Each structure stands twice: as structure tokens, then as C-alpha cells.
Amino acid sequence: MPIHIIRDELKGRAKIRAEKLRKKAYLERRKLDPGFRDETNTSSITTLLRTAAINLDRNDLDVTIYEERLEKDLFNDPVHLKGRSVECLSRYMPLRLAEEVYRLLLDTTEEEVQYDCS
């Protein structure tokens, strides 16, 4: 296996691990201080889209265009996307990315309500 493929794979895994640790730290901080707000520059939508792209082995995918499309319709937080169908999500991004985003959102919610996008 070429070294650059191994390096890219390790980078992708490191990003996923870092994101999981960031989320865990955020949740722990929220438990200790309910008034805490995450003040990072990266929006949660960006993080969600990047995680989905990494899961699809597309570390090089620029997700900013999809983030902008979502924000045009005021989807500023992953909570706003919960319950949306894959068909709805695919209006803003490629289908495979939409399917992965949908899967990630299902992993974080207990209810499986689907809203029509129209």
C-alpha cells in the first residue's frame, strides 16, 4: 500500500477521533455548565458534513458549498436537519453524502420522524 494512501487514511481517522473527543468534551462541559456555548469558528453543520465526507473516504471534499446551500434555507444547525428525509437532504448535497448525513443524524436521535421537504 503506498505511503500517501496510508497517510491520508491516518489523517482521516485522526480527524474523526478529534471530532469525537471535541463532542465528548463539549457534552461534559455542558453537564458542568449549562450556560456554556460553543464559540468555535466551525459550525456544527460543517462538522457534520465533514464527518460524513470522511466516512465516505472523501477527505478532500470541500463541503462549504453544501453548507452554504443549507444556510440559504436557514438550516444552521444539525438539529434543523433531524427528521428530514434523504431525498430532502439530497437537494442540498450529493446523494451519497446525504445518505451518510442522514445516518449520522439517526445515530444522534431517538426519534425517527421524517418531515417532507416540500
PDB file of N, CA and C in Angstrom:
ATOM      1  N   MET A   1       0.845  -1.173   0.000  1.00  0.00           N
ATOM      2  CA  MET A   1       0.000   0.000   0.000  1.00  0.00           C
ATOM      3  C   MET A   1       0.897   1.244   0.000  1.00  0.00           C
ATOM      4  N   PRO A   2       0.684   2.169  -0.915  1.00  0.00           N
ATOM      5  CA  PRO A   2       1.513   3.382  -0.979  1.00  0.00           C
ATOM      6  C   PRO A   2       1.402   4.216   0.296  1.00  0.00           C
ATOM      7  N   ILE A   3       2.507   4.853   0.633  1.00  0.00           N
ATOM      8  CA  ILE A   3       2.592   5.625   1.877  1.00  0.00           C
ATOM      9  C   ILE A   3       1.599   6.781   1.920  1.00  0.00           C
ATOM     10  N   HIS A   4       1.333   7.430   0.754  1.00  0.00           N
ATOM     11  CA  HIS A   4       0.408   8.568   0.770  1.00  0.00           C
ATOM     12  C   HIS A   4      -1.026   8.117   1.063  1.00  0.00           C
ATOM     13  N   ILE A   5      -1.383   6.917   0.670  1.00  0.00           N
ATOM     14  CA  ILE A   5      -2.727   6.402   0.973  1.00  0.00           C
ATOM     15  C   ILE A   5      -2.843   6.120   2.465  1.00  0.00           C
ATOM     16  N   ILE A   6      -1.803   5.526   3.027  1.00  0.00           N
ATOM     17  CA  ILE A   6      -1.797   5.243   4.463  1.00  0.00           C
ATOM     18  C   ILE A   6      -1.845   6.545   5.256  1.00  0.00           C
ATOM     19  N   ARG A   7      -1.059   7.544   4.806  1.00  0.00           N
ATOM     20  CA  ARG A   7      -1.038   8.840   5.492  1.00  0.00           C
ATOM     21  C   ARG A   7      -2.412   9.502   5.448  1.00  0.00           C
ATOM     22  N   ASP A   8      -3.071   9.484   4.277  1.00  0.00           N
ATOM     23  CA  ASP A   8      -4.402  10.081   4.152  1.00  0.00           C
ATOM     24  C   ASP A   8      -5.422   9.361   5.025  1.00  0.00           C
ATOM     25  N   GLU A   9      -5.299   8.048   5.088  1.00  0.00           N
ATOM     26  CA  GLU A   9      -6.218   7.269   5.920  1.00  0.00           C
ATOM     27  C   GLU A   9      -6.025   7.610   7.400  1.00  0.00           C
ATOM     28  N   LEU A  10      -4.770   7.730   7.818  1.00  0.00           N
ATOM     29  CA  LEU A  10      -4.481   8.105   9.208  1.00  0.00           C
ATOM     30  C   LEU A  10      -4.993   9.502   9.517  1.00  0.00           C
ATOM     31  N   LYS A  11      -4.837  10.432   8.579  1.00  0.00           N
ATOM     32  CA  LYS A  11      -5.349  11.791   8.779  1.00  0.00           C
ATOM     33  C   LYS A  11      -6.865  11.774   8.947  1.00  0.00           C
ATOM     34  N   GLY A  12      -7.534  10.995   8.111  1.00  0.00           N
ATOM     35  CA  GLY A  12      -8.987  10.895   8.200  1.00  0.00           C
ATOM     36  C   GLY A  12      -9.425  10.334   9.534  1.00  0.00           C
ATOM     37  N   ARG A  13      -8.760   9.281   9.980  1.00  0.00           N
ATOM     38  CA  ARG A  13      -9.086   8.686  11.285  1.00  0.00           C
ATOM     39  C   ARG A  13      -8.813   9.667  12.414  1.00  0.00           C
ATOM     40  N   ALA A  14      -7.703  10.405  12.303  1.00  0.00           N
ATOM     41  CA  ALA A  14      -7.362  11.383  13.335  1.00  0.00           C
ATOM     42  C   ALA A  14      -8.421  12.485  13.410  1.00  0.00           C
ATOM     43  N   LYS A  15      -8.913  12.936  12.255  1.00  0.00           N
ATOM     44  CA  LYS A  15      -9.960  13.962  12.248  1.00  0.00           C
ATOM     45  C   LYS A  15     -11.236  13.452  12.906  1.00  0.00           C
ATOM     46  N   ILE A  16     -11.603  12.211  12.592  1.00  0.00           N
ATOM     47  CA  ILE A  16     -12.805  11.621  13.194  1.00  0.00           C
ATOM     48  C   ILE A  16     -12.634  11.517  14.699  1.00  0.00           C
ATOM     49  N   ARG A  17     -11.478  11.034  15.133  1.00  0.00           N
ATOM     50  CA  ARG A  17     -11.210  10.888  16.568  1.00  0.00           C
ATOM     51  C   ARG A  17     -11.222  12.248  17.260  1.00  0.00           C
ATOM     52  N   ALA A  18     -10.603  13.234  16.635  1.00  0.00           N
ATOM     53  CA  ALA A  18     -10.582  14.580  17.212  1.00  0.00           C
ATOM     54  C   ALA A  18     -11.994  15.136  17.340  1.00  0.00           C
ATOM     55  N   GLU A  19     -12.820  14.894  16.339  1.00  0.00           N
ATOM     56  CA  GLU A  19     -14.201  15.381  16.384  1.00  0.00           C
ATOM     57  C   GLU A  19     -14.982  14.687  17.495  1.00  0.00           C
ATOM     58  N   LYS A  20     -14.789  13.377  17.641  1.00  0.00           N
ATOM     59  CA  LYS A  20     -15.470  12.648  18.718  1.00  0.00           C
ATOM     60  C   LYS A  20     -15.042  13.170  20.078  1.00  0.00           C
ATOM     61  N   LEU A  21     -13.744  13.426  20.241  1.00  0.00           N
ATOM     62  CA  LEU A  21     -13.247  13.955  21.511  1.00  0.00           C
ATOM     63  C   LEU A  21     -13.769  15.368  21.770  1.00  0.00           C
ATOM     64  N   ARG A  22     -13.850  16.183  20.704  1.00  0.00           N
ATOM     65  CA  ARG A  22     -14.387  17.536  20.859  1.00  0.00           C
ATOM     66  C   ARG A  22     -15.836  17.486  21.313  1.00  0.00           C
ATOM     67  N   LYS A  23     -16.617  16.600  20.684  1.00  0.00           N
ATOM     68  CA  LYS A  23     -18.029  16.462  21.059  1.00  0.00           C
ATOM     69  C   LYS A  23     -18.166  15.974  22.503  1.00  0.00           C
ATOM     70  N   LYS A  24     -17.330  15.009  22.878  1.00  0.00           N
ATOM     71  CA  LYS A  24     -17.375  14.487  24.242  1.00  0.00           C
ATOM     72  C   LYS A  24     -17.033  15.580  25.245  1.00  0.00           C
ATOM     73  N   ALA A  25     -15.995  16.358  24.959  1.00  0.00           N
ATOM     74  CA  ALA A  25     -15.610  17.453  25.844  1.00  0.00           C
ATOM     75  C   ALA A  25     -16.721  18.494  25.929  1.00  0.00           C
ATOM     76  N   TYR A  26     -17.356  18.772  24.805  1.00  0.00           N
ATOM     77  CA  TYR A  26     -18.453  19.737  24.784  1.00  0.00           C
ATOM     78  C   TYR A  26     -19.610  19.253  25.653  1.00  0.00           C
ATOM     79  N   LEU A  27     -19.966  17.973  25.505  1.00  0.00           N
ATOM     80  CA  LEU A  27     -21.065  17.420  26.304  1.00  0.00           C
ATOM     81  C   LEU A  27     -20.738  17.444  27.794  1.00  0.00           C
ATOM     82  N   GLU A  28     -19.494  17.109  28.138  1.00  0.00           N
ATOM     83  CA  GLU A  28     -19.074  17.161  29.541  1.00  0.00           C
ATOM     84  C   GLU A  28     -19.134  18.593  30.071  1.00  0.00           C
ATOM     85  N   ARG A  29     -18.701  19.531  29.262  1.00  0.00           N
ATOM     86  CA  ARG A  29     -18.738  20.942  29.667  1.00  0.00           C
ATOM     87  C   ARG A  29     -20.181  21.400  29.863  1.00  0.00           C
ATOM     88  N   ARG A  30     -21.074  20.950  28.958  1.00  0.00           N
ATOM     89  CA  ARG A  30     -22.490  21.328  29.082  1.00  0.00           C
ATOM     90  C   ARG A  30     -23.100  20.758  30.364  1.00  0.00           C
ATOM     91  N   LYS A  31     -22.673  19.568  30.776  1.00  0.00           N
ATOM     92  CA  LYS A  31     -23.168  18.973  32.022  1.00  0.00           C
ATOM     93  C   LYS A  31     -22.741  19.814  33.216  1.00  0.00           C
ATOM     94  N   LEU A  32     -21.496  20.271  33.190  1.00  0.00           N
ATOM     95  CA  LEU A  32     -20.958  21.047  34.302  1.00  0.00           C
ATOM     96  C   LEU A  32     -21.463  22.479  34.304  1.00  0.00           C
ATOM     97  N   ASP A  33     -21.631  23.058  33.122  1.00  0.00           N
ATOM     98  CA  ASP A  33     -22.029  24.457  32.984  1.00  0.00           C
ATOM     99  C   ASP A  33     -23.108  24.571  31.906  1.00  0.00           C
ATOM    100  N   PRO A  34     -24.401  24.469  32.282  1.00  0.00           N
ATOM    101  CA  PRO A  34     -25.481  24.504  31.293  1.00  0.00           C
ATOM    102  C   PRO A  34     -25.524  25.794  30.469  1.00  0.00           C
ATOM    103  N   GLY A  35     -24.916  26.861  30.949  1.00  0.00           N
ATOM    104  CA  GLY A  35     -24.907  28.126  30.221  1.00  0.00           C
ATOM    105  C   GLY A  35     -23.792  28.220  29.193  1.00  0.00           C
ATOM    106  N   PHE A  36     -22.968  27.198  29.105  1.00  0.00           N
ATOM    107  CA  PHE A  36     -21.836  27.198  28.179  1.00  0.00           C
ATOM    108  C   PHE A  36     -22.310  27.160  26.741  1.00  0.00           C
ATOM    109  N   ARG A  37     -21.684  27.986  25.900  1.00  0.00           N
ATOM    110  CA  ARG A  37     -21.974  27.981  24.459  1.00  0.00           C
ATOM    111  C   ARG A  37     -20.683  27.707  23.721  1.00  0.00           C
ATOM    112  N   ASP A  38     -20.763  26.903  22.695  1.00  0.00           N
ATOM    113  CA  ASP A  38     -19.586  26.589  21.885  1.00  0.00           C
ATOM    114  C   ASP A  38     -19.278  27.799  21.008  1.00  0.00           C
ATOM    115  N   GLU A  39     -18.118  28.396  21.185  1.00  0.00           N
ATOM    116  CA  GLU A  39     -17.754  29.611  20.466  1.00  0.00           C
ATOM    117  C   GLU A  39     -16.742  29.363  19.349  1.00  0.00           C
ATOM    118  N   THR A  40     -16.622  28.142  18.862  1.00  0.00           N
ATOM    119  CA  THR A  40     -15.649  27.854  17.817  1.00  0.00           C
ATOM    120  C   THR A  40     -16.112  28.436  16.489  1.00  0.00           C
ATOM    121  N   ASN A  41     -15.176  28.607  15.562  1.00  0.00           N
ATOM    122  CA  ASN A  41     -15.487  29.170  14.254  1.00  0.00           C
ATOM    123  C   ASN A  41     -16.227  28.185  13.357  1.00  0.00           C
ATOM    124  N   THR A  42     -16.008  26.915  13.568  1.00  0.00           N
ATOM    125  CA  THR A  42     -16.615  25.904  12.720  1.00  0.00           C
ATOM    126  C   THR A  42     -18.032  25.628  13.189  1.00  0.00           C
ATOM    127  N   SER A  43     -18.980  25.726  12.273  1.00  0.00           N
ATOM    128  CA  SER A  43     -20.357  25.459  12.652  1.00  0.00           C
ATOM    129  C   SER A  43     -20.575  23.956  12.779  1.00  0.00           C
ATOM    130  N   SER A  44     -21.631  23.603  13.467  1.00  0.00           N
ATOM    131  CA  SER A  44     -21.970  22.193  13.639  1.00  0.00           C
ATOM    132  C   SER A  44     -22.334  21.548  12.312  1.00  0.00           C
ATOM    133  N   ILE A  45     -22.936  22.323  11.420  1.00  0.00           N
ATOM    134  CA  ILE A  45     -23.278  21.803  10.092  1.00  0.00           C
ATOM    135  C   ILE A  45     -21.996  21.424   9.354  1.00  0.00           C
ATOM    136  N   THR A  46     -20.985  22.278   9.427  1.00  0.00           N
ATOM    137  CA  THR A  46     -19.710  21.986   8.779  1.00  0.00           C
ATOM    138  C   THR A  46     -19.111  20.703   9.331  1.00  0.00           C
ATOM    139  N   THR A  47     -19.133  20.565  10.635  1.00  0.00           N
ATOM    140  CA  THR A  47     -18.601  19.367  11.277  1.00  0.00           C
ATOM    141  C   THR A  47     -19.357  18.132  10.830  1.00  0.00           C
ATOM    142  N   LEU A  48     -20.663  18.219  10.772  1.00  0.00           N
ATOM    143  CA  LEU A  48     -21.487  17.094  10.329  1.00  0.00           C
ATOM    144  C   LEU A  48     -21.147  16.707   8.890  1.00  0.00           C
ATOM    145  N   LEU A  49     -21.057  17.694   8.013  1.00  0.00           N
ATOM    146  CA  LEU A  49     -20.750  17.423   6.605  1.00  0.00           C
ATOM    147  C   LEU A  49     -19.340  16.858   6.435  1.00  0.00           C
ATOM    148  N   ARG A  50     -18.375  17.394   7.182  1.00  0.00           N
ATOM    149  CA  ARG A  50     -17.002  16.880   7.096  1.00  0.00           C
ATOM    150  C   ARG A  50     -16.927  15.439   7.591  1.00  0.00           C
ATOM    151  N   THR A  51     -17.605  15.150   8.690  1.00  0.00           N
ATOM    152  CA  THR A  51     -17.617  13.790   9.221  1.00  0.00           C
ATOM    153  C   THR A  51     -18.221  12.830   8.210  1.00  0.00           C
ATOM    154  N   ALA A  52     -19.313  13.239   7.582  1.00  0.00           N
ATOM    155  CA  ALA A  52     -19.945  12.399   6.565  1.00  0.00           C
ATOM    156  C   ALA A  52     -18.995  12.172   5.391  1.00  0.00           C
ATOM    157  N   ALA A  53     -18.307  13.209   4.956  1.00  0.00           N
ATOM    158  CA  ALA A  53     -17.360  13.082   3.840  1.00  0.00           C
ATOM    159  C   ALA A  53     -16.204  12.149   4.211  1.00  0.00           C
ATOM    160  N   ILE A  54     -15.691  12.273   5.418  1.00  0.00           N
ATOM    161  CA  ILE A  54     -14.601  11.410   5.874  1.00  0.00           C
ATOM    162  C   ILE A  54     -15.076   9.963   5.932  1.00  0.00           C
ATOM    163  N   ASN A  55     -16.299   9.745   6.401  1.00  0.00           N
ATOM    164  CA  ASN A  55     -16.846   8.390   6.462  1.00  0.00           C
ATOM    165  C   ASN A  55     -16.969   7.769   5.070  1.00  0.00           C
ATOM    166  N   LEU A  56     -17.106   8.606   4.057  1.00  0.00           N
ATOM    167  CA  LEU A  56     -17.196   8.127   2.676  1.00  0.00           C
ATOM    168  C   LEU A  56     -15.820   8.079   2.004  1.00  0.00           C
ATOM    169  N   ASP A  57     -14.758   8.241   2.808  1.00  0.00           N
ATOM    170  CA  ASP A  57     -13.380   8.268   2.297  1.00  0.00           C
ATOM    171  C   ASP A  57     -13.163   9.383   1.290  1.00  0.00           C
ATOM    172  N   ARG A  58     -13.815  10.513   1.517  1.00  0.00           N
ATOM    173  CA  ARG A  58     -13.653  11.691   0.662  1.00  0.00           C
ATOM    174  C   ARG A  58     -13.120  12.846   1.504  1.00  0.00           C
ATOM    175  N   ASN A  59     -11.925  12.641   2.068  1.00  0.00           N
ATOM    176  CA  ASN A  59     -11.301  13.657   2.918  1.00  0.00           C
ATOM    177  C   ASN A  59     -11.067  14.963   2.177  1.00  0.00           C
ATOM    178  N   ASP A  60     -10.929  14.876   0.851  1.00  0.00           N
ATOM    179  CA  ASP A  60     -10.631  16.047   0.033  1.00  0.00           C
ATOM    180  C   ASP A  60     -11.872  16.850  -0.361  1.00  0.00           C
ATOM    181  N   LEU A  61     -13.040  16.366  -0.032  1.00  0.00           N
ATOM    182  CA  LEU A  61     -14.287  17.010  -0.457  1.00  0.00           C
ATOM    183  C   LEU A  61     -14.491  18.340   0.264  1.00  0.00           C
ATOM    184  N   ASP A  62     -14.707  19.393  -0.503  1.00  0.00           N
ATOM    185  CA  ASP A  62     -14.986  20.715   0.062  1.00  0.00           C
ATOM    186  C   ASP A  62     -16.485  20.810   0.326  1.00  0.00           C
ATOM    187  N   VAL A  63     -16.867  20.870   1.591  1.00  0.00           N
ATOM    188  CA  VAL A  63     -18.285  20.841   1.966  1.00  0.00           C
ATOM    189  C   VAL A  63     -18.878  22.234   2.139  1.00  0.00           C
ATOM    190  N   THR A  64     -18.092  23.276   1.919  1.00  0.00           N
ATOM    191  CA  THR A  64     -18.597  24.631   2.159  1.00  0.00           C
ATOM    192  C   THR A  64     -19.764  24.982   1.241  1.00  0.00           C
ATOM    193  N   ILE A  65     -19.750  24.499   0.007  1.00  0.00           N
ATOM    194  CA  ILE A  65     -20.854  24.814  -0.910  1.00  0.00           C
ATOM    195  C   ILE A  65     -22.173  24.203  -0.410  1.00  0.00           C
ATOM    196  N   TYR A  66     -22.085  23.015   0.164  1.00  0.00           N
ATOM    197  CA  TYR A  66     -23.298  22.364   0.682  1.00  0.00           C
ATOM    198  C   TYR A  66     -23.771  23.069   1.952  1.00  0.00           C
ATOM    199  N   GLU A  67     -22.812  23.522   2.764  1.00  0.00           N
ATOM    200  CA  GLU A  67     -23.160  24.287   3.957  1.00  0.00           C
ATOM    201  C   GLU A  67     -23.884  25.582   3.564  1.00  0.00           C
ATOM    202  N   GLU A  68     -23.378  26.255   2.532  1.00  0.00           N
ATOM    203  CA  GLU A  68     -24.000  27.498   2.073  1.00  0.00           C
ATOM    204  C   GLU A  68     -25.417  27.245   1.561  1.00  0.00           C
ATOM    205  N   ARG A  69     -25.606  26.154   0.824  1.00  0.00           N
ATOM    206  CA  ARG A  69     -26.941  25.822   0.323  1.00  0.00           C
ATOM    207  C   ARG A  69     -27.911  25.593   1.481  1.00  0.00           C
ATOM    208  N   LEU A  70     -27.450  24.894   2.501  1.00  0.00           N
ATOM    209  CA  LEU A  70     -28.305  24.636   3.666  1.00  0.00           C
ATOM    210  C   LEU A  70     -28.624  25.938   4.403  1.00  0.00           C
ATOM    211  N   GLU A  71     -27.634  26.782   4.559  1.00  0.00           N
ATOM    212  CA  GLU A  71     -27.842  28.027   5.292  1.00  0.00           C
ATOM    213  C   GLU A  71     -28.753  28.993   4.552  1.00  0.00           C
ATOM    214  N   LYS A  72     -28.816  28.896   3.221  1.00  0.00           N
ATOM    215  CA  LYS A  72     -29.745  29.735   2.466  1.00  0.00           C
ATOM    216  C   LYS A  72     -31.193  29.461   2.871  1.00  0.00           C
ATOM    217  N   ASP A  73     -31.477  28.205   3.234  1.00  0.00           N
ATOM    218  CA  ASP A  73     -32.819  27.841   3.685  1.00  0.00           C
ATOM    219  C   ASP A  73     -32.913  27.780   5.208  1.00  0.00           C
ATOM    220  N   LEU A  74     -31.966  28.451   5.872  1.00  0.00           N
ATOM    221  CA  LEU A  74     -31.945  28.613   7.327  1.00  0.00           C
ATOM    222  C   LEU A  74     -31.750  27.308   8.100  1.00  0.00           C
ATOM    223  N   PHE A  75     -31.079  26.338   7.494  1.00  0.00           N
ATOM    224  CA  PHE A  75     -30.656  25.139   8.206  1.00  0.00           C
ATOM    225  C   PHE A  75     -29.274  25.433   8.768  1.00  0.00           C
ATOM    226  N   ASN A  76     -29.233  26.039   9.969  1.00  0.00           N
ATOM    227  CA  ASN A  76     -27.978  26.489  10.546  1.00  0.00           C
ATOM    228  C   ASN A  76     -27.410  25.526  11.576  1.00  0.00           C
ATOM    229  N   ASP A  77     -28.164  24.513  11.932  1.00  0.00           N
ATOM    230  CA  ASP A  77     -27.760  23.607  12.984  1.00  0.00           C
ATOM    231  C   ASP A  77     -28.221  22.199  12.615  1.00  0.00           C
ATOM    232  N   PRO A  78     -27.466  21.176  12.973  1.00  0.00           N
ATOM    233  CA  PRO A  78     -27.893  19.806  12.658  1.00  0.00           C
ATOM    234  C   PRO A  78     -29.273  19.450  13.215  1.00  0.00           C
ATOM    235  N   VAL A  79     -29.666  20.101  14.293  1.00  0.00           N
ATOM    236  CA  VAL A  79     -30.995  19.847  14.859  1.00  0.00           C
ATOM    237  C   VAL A  79     -32.080  20.160  13.825  1.00  0.00           C
ATOM    238  N   HIS A  80     -31.841  21.161  12.988  1.00  0.00           N
ATOM    239  CA  HIS A  80     -32.812  21.538  11.965  1.00  0.00           C
ATOM    240  C   HIS A  80     -32.941  20.466  10.887  1.00  0.00           C
ATOM    241  N   LEU A  81     -31.915  19.615  10.752  1.00  0.00           N
ATOM    242  CA  LEU A  81     -31.927  18.573   9.719  1.00  0.00           C
ATOM    243  C   LEU A  81     -32.500  17.258  10.216  1.00  0.00           C
ATOM    244  N   LYS A  82     -32.590  17.092  11.524  1.00  0.00           N
ATOM    245  CA  LYS A  82     -33.111  15.842  12.075  1.00  0.00           C
ATOM    246  C   LYS A  82     -34.530  15.622  11.595  1.00  0.00           C
ATOM    247  N   GLY A  83     -34.795  14.411  11.147  1.00  0.00           N
ATOM    248  CA  GLY A  83     -36.127  14.070  10.677  1.00  0.00           C
ATOM    249  C   GLY A  83     -36.350  14.341   9.202  1.00  0.00           C
ATOM    250  N   ARG A  84     -35.428  15.041   8.565  1.00  0.00           N
ATOM    251  CA  ARG A  84     -35.540  15.279   7.120  1.00  0.00           C
ATOM    252  C   ARG A  84     -35.169  14.002   6.380  1.00  0.00           C
ATOM    253  N   SER A  85     -35.837  13.745   5.287  1.00  0.00           N
ATOM    254  CA  SER A  85     -35.576  12.537   4.510  1.00  0.00           C
ATOM    255  C   SER A  85     -34.285  12.681   3.702  1.00  0.00           C
ATOM    256  N   VAL A  86     -33.771  11.547   3.237  1.00  0.00           N
ATOM    257  CA  VAL A  86     -32.585  11.554   2.381  1.00  0.00           C
ATOM    258  C   VAL A  86     -32.886  12.343   1.113  1.00  0.00           C
ATOM    259  N   GLU A  87     -34.095  12.185   0.598  1.00  0.00           N
ATOM    260  CA  GLU A  87     -34.485  12.922  -0.614  1.00  0.00           C
ATOM    261  C   GLU A  87     -34.394  14.428  -0.382  1.00  0.00           C
ATOM    262  N   CYS A  88     -34.849  14.858   0.757  1.00  0.00           N
ATOM    263  CA  CYS A  88     -34.785  16.283   1.098  1.00  0.00           C
ATOM    264  C   CYS A  88     -33.335  16.742   1.213  1.00  0.00           C
ATOM    265  N   LEU A  89     -32.518  15.983   1.926  1.00  0.00           N
ATOM    266  CA  LEU A  89     -31.113  16.349   2.099  1.00  0.00           C
ATOM    267  C   LEU A  89     -30.364  16.367   0.774  1.00  0.00           C
ATOM    268  N   SER A  90     -30.763  15.479  -0.144  1.00  0.00           N
ATOM    269  CA  SER A  90     -30.055  15.394  -1.426  1.00  0.00           C
ATOM    270  C   SER A  90     -30.326  16.600  -2.323  1.00  0.00           C
ATOM    271  N   ARG A  91     -31.247  17.450  -1.939  1.00  0.00           N
ATOM    272  CA  ARG A  91     -31.465  18.697  -2.682  1.00  0.00           C
ATOM    273  C   ARG A  91     -30.336  19.693  -2.432  1.00  0.00           C
ATOM    274  N   TYR A  92     -29.603  19.468  -1.343  1.00  0.00           N
ATOM    275  CA  TYR A  92     -28.546  20.387  -0.939  1.00  0.00           C
ATOM    276  C   TYR A  92     -27.140  19.830  -1.157  1.00  0.00           C
ATOM    277  N   MET A  93     -27.049  18.512  -1.402  1.00  0.00           N
ATOM    278  CA  MET A  93     -25.737  17.852  -1.496  1.00  0.00           C
ATOM    279  C   MET A  93     -25.868  16.583  -2.325  1.00  0.00           C
ATOM    280  N   PRO A  94     -24.746  15.977  -2.724  1.00  0.00           N
ATOM    281  CA  PRO A  94     -24.810  14.720  -3.471  1.00  0.00           C
ATOM    282  C   PRO A  94     -25.516  13.620  -2.662  1.00  0.00           C
ATOM    283  N   LEU A  95     -26.126  12.696  -3.362  1.00  0.00           N
ATOM    284  CA  LEU A  95     -26.946  11.663  -2.731  1.00  0.00           C
ATOM    285  C   LEU A  95     -26.182  10.844  -1.697  1.00  0.00           C
ATOM    286  N   ARG A  96     -24.990  10.369  -2.030  1.00  0.00           N
ATOM    287  CA  ARG A  96     -24.242   9.545  -1.067  1.00  0.00           C
ATOM    288  C   ARG A  96     -23.905  10.326   0.193  1.00  0.00           C
ATOM    289  N   LEU A  97     -23.584  11.593   0.034  1.00  0.00           N
ATOM    290  CA  LEU A  97     -23.303  12.429   1.197  1.00  0.00           C
ATOM    291  C   LEU A  97     -24.578  12.618   2.014  1.00  0.00           C
ATOM    292  N   ALA A  98     -25.695  12.813   1.338  1.00  0.00           N
ATOM    293  CA  ALA A  98     -26.987  12.967   2.020  1.00  0.00           C
ATOM    294  C   ALA A  98     -27.332  11.706   2.808  1.00  0.00           C
ATOM    295  N   GLU A  99     -27.073  10.550   2.224  1.00  0.00           N
ATOM    296  CA  GLU A  99     -27.360   9.286   2.918  1.00  0.00           C
ATOM    297  C   GLU A  99     -26.505   9.150   4.180  1.00  0.00           C
ATOM    298  N   GLU A 100     -25.245   9.557   4.096  1.00  0.00           N
ATOM    299  CA  GLU A 100     -24.353   9.464   5.258  1.00  0.00           C
ATOM    300  C   GLU A 100     -24.742  10.485   6.328  1.00  0.00           C
ATOM    301  N   VAL A 101     -25.104  11.692   5.914  1.00  0.00           N
ATOM    302  CA  VAL A 101     -25.575  12.704   6.867  1.00  0.00           C
ATOM    303  C   VAL A 101     -26.823  12.191   7.579  1.00  0.00           C
ATOM    304  N   TYR A 102     -27.731  11.615   6.825  1.00  0.00           N
ATOM    305  CA  TYR A 102     -28.963  11.059   7.404  1.00  0.00           C
ATOM    306  C   TYR A 102     -28.624   9.981   8.438  1.00  0.00           C
ATOM    307  N   ARG A 103     -27.666   9.105   8.094  1.00  0.00           N
ATOM    308  CA  ARG A 103     -27.265   8.036   9.013  1.00  0.00           C
ATOM    309  C   ARG A 103     -26.659   8.623  10.281  1.00  0.00           C
ATOM    310  N   LEU A 104     -25.810   9.630  10.137  1.00  0.00           N
ATOM    311  CA  LEU A 104     -25.200  10.266  11.304  1.00  0.00           C
ATOM    312  C   LEU A 104     -26.260  10.926  12.189  1.00  0.00           C
ATOM    313  N   LEU A 105     -27.236  11.544  11.566  1.00  0.00           N
ATOM    314  CA  LEU A 105     -28.301  12.182  12.336  1.00  0.00           C
ATOM    315  C   LEU A 105     -29.153  11.153  13.071  1.00  0.00           C
ATOM    316  N   LEU A 106     -29.384   9.998  12.460  1.00  0.00           N
ATOM    317  CA  LEU A 106     -30.142   8.936  13.128  1.00  0.00           C
ATOM    318  C   LEU A 106     -29.391   8.412  14.338  1.00  0.00           C
ATOM    319  N   ASP A 107     -28.060   8.382  14.251  1.00  0.00           N
ATOM    320  CA  ASP A 107     -27.245   7.911  15.371  1.00  0.00           C
ATOM    321  C   ASP A 107     -27.349   8.835  16.579  1.00  0.00           C
ATOM    322  N   THR A 108     -27.741  10.096  16.367  1.00  0.00           N
ATOM    323  CA  THR A 108     -27.770  11.064  17.456  1.00  0.00           C
ATOM    324  C   THR A 108     -29.176  11.362  17.959  1.00  0.00           C
ATOM    325  N   THR A 109     -30.170  10.705  17.425  1.00  0.00           N
ATOM    326  CA  THR A 109     -31.538  10.989  17.847  1.00  0.00           C
ATOM    327  C   THR A 109     -32.274   9.707  18.188  1.00  0.00           C
ATOM    328  N   GLU A 110     -33.229   9.812  19.075  1.00  0.00           N
ATOM    329  CA  GLU A 110     -34.013   8.643  19.440  1.00  0.00           C
ATOM    330  C   GLU A 110     -35.234   8.483  18.544  1.00  0.00           C
ATOM    331  N   GLU A 111     -35.778   9.583  18.099  1.00  0.00           N
ATOM    332  CA  GLU A 111     -36.985   9.501  17.290  1.00  0.00           C
ATOM    333  C   GLU A 111     -36.638   9.462  15.809  1.00  0.00           C
ATOM    334  N   GLU A 112     -37.438   8.762  15.045  1.00  0.00           N
ATOM    335  CA  GLU A 112     -37.182   8.607  13.622  1.00  0.00           C
ATOM    336  C   GLU A 112     -38.323   9.224  12.816  1.00  0.00           C
ATOM    337  N   VAL A 113     -38.652  10.453  13.141  1.00  0.00           N
ATOM    338  CA  VAL A 113     -39.714  11.157  12.432  1.00  0.00           C
ATOM    339  C   VAL A 113     -39.133  11.727  11.154  1.00  0.00           C
ATOM    340  N   GLN A 114     -39.866  11.593  10.039  1.00  0.00           N
ATOM    341  CA  GLN A 114     -39.407  12.156   8.776  1.00  0.00           C
ATOM    342  C   GLN A 114     -40.361  13.260   8.348  1.00  0.00           C
ATOM    343  N   TYR A 115     -39.794  14.412   8.040  1.00  0.00           N
ATOM    344  CA  TYR A 115     -40.554  15.536   7.560  1.00  0.00           C
ATOM    345  C   TYR A 115     -40.409  15.606   6.044  1.00  0.00           C
ATOM    346  N   ASP A 116     -41.457  15.974   5.388  1.00  0.00           N
ATOM    347  CA  ASP A 116     -41.367  16.186   3.947  1.00  0.00           C
ATOM    348  C   ASP A 116     -40.692  17.524   3.728  1.00  0.00           C
ATOM    349  N   CYS A 117     -39.874  17.601   2.724  1.00  0.00           N
ATOM    350  CA  CYS A 117     -39.094  18.806   2.471  1.00  0.00           C
ATOM    351  C   CYS A 117     -39.868  19.853   1.676  1.00  0.00           C
ATOM    352  N   SER A 118     -40.947  19.464   1.057  1.00  0.00           N
ATOM    353  CA  SER A 118     -41.676  20.416   0.208  1.00  0.00           C
ATOM    354  C   SER A 118     -42.530  21.371   0.978  1.00  0.00           C
TER     355      SER A 118
END
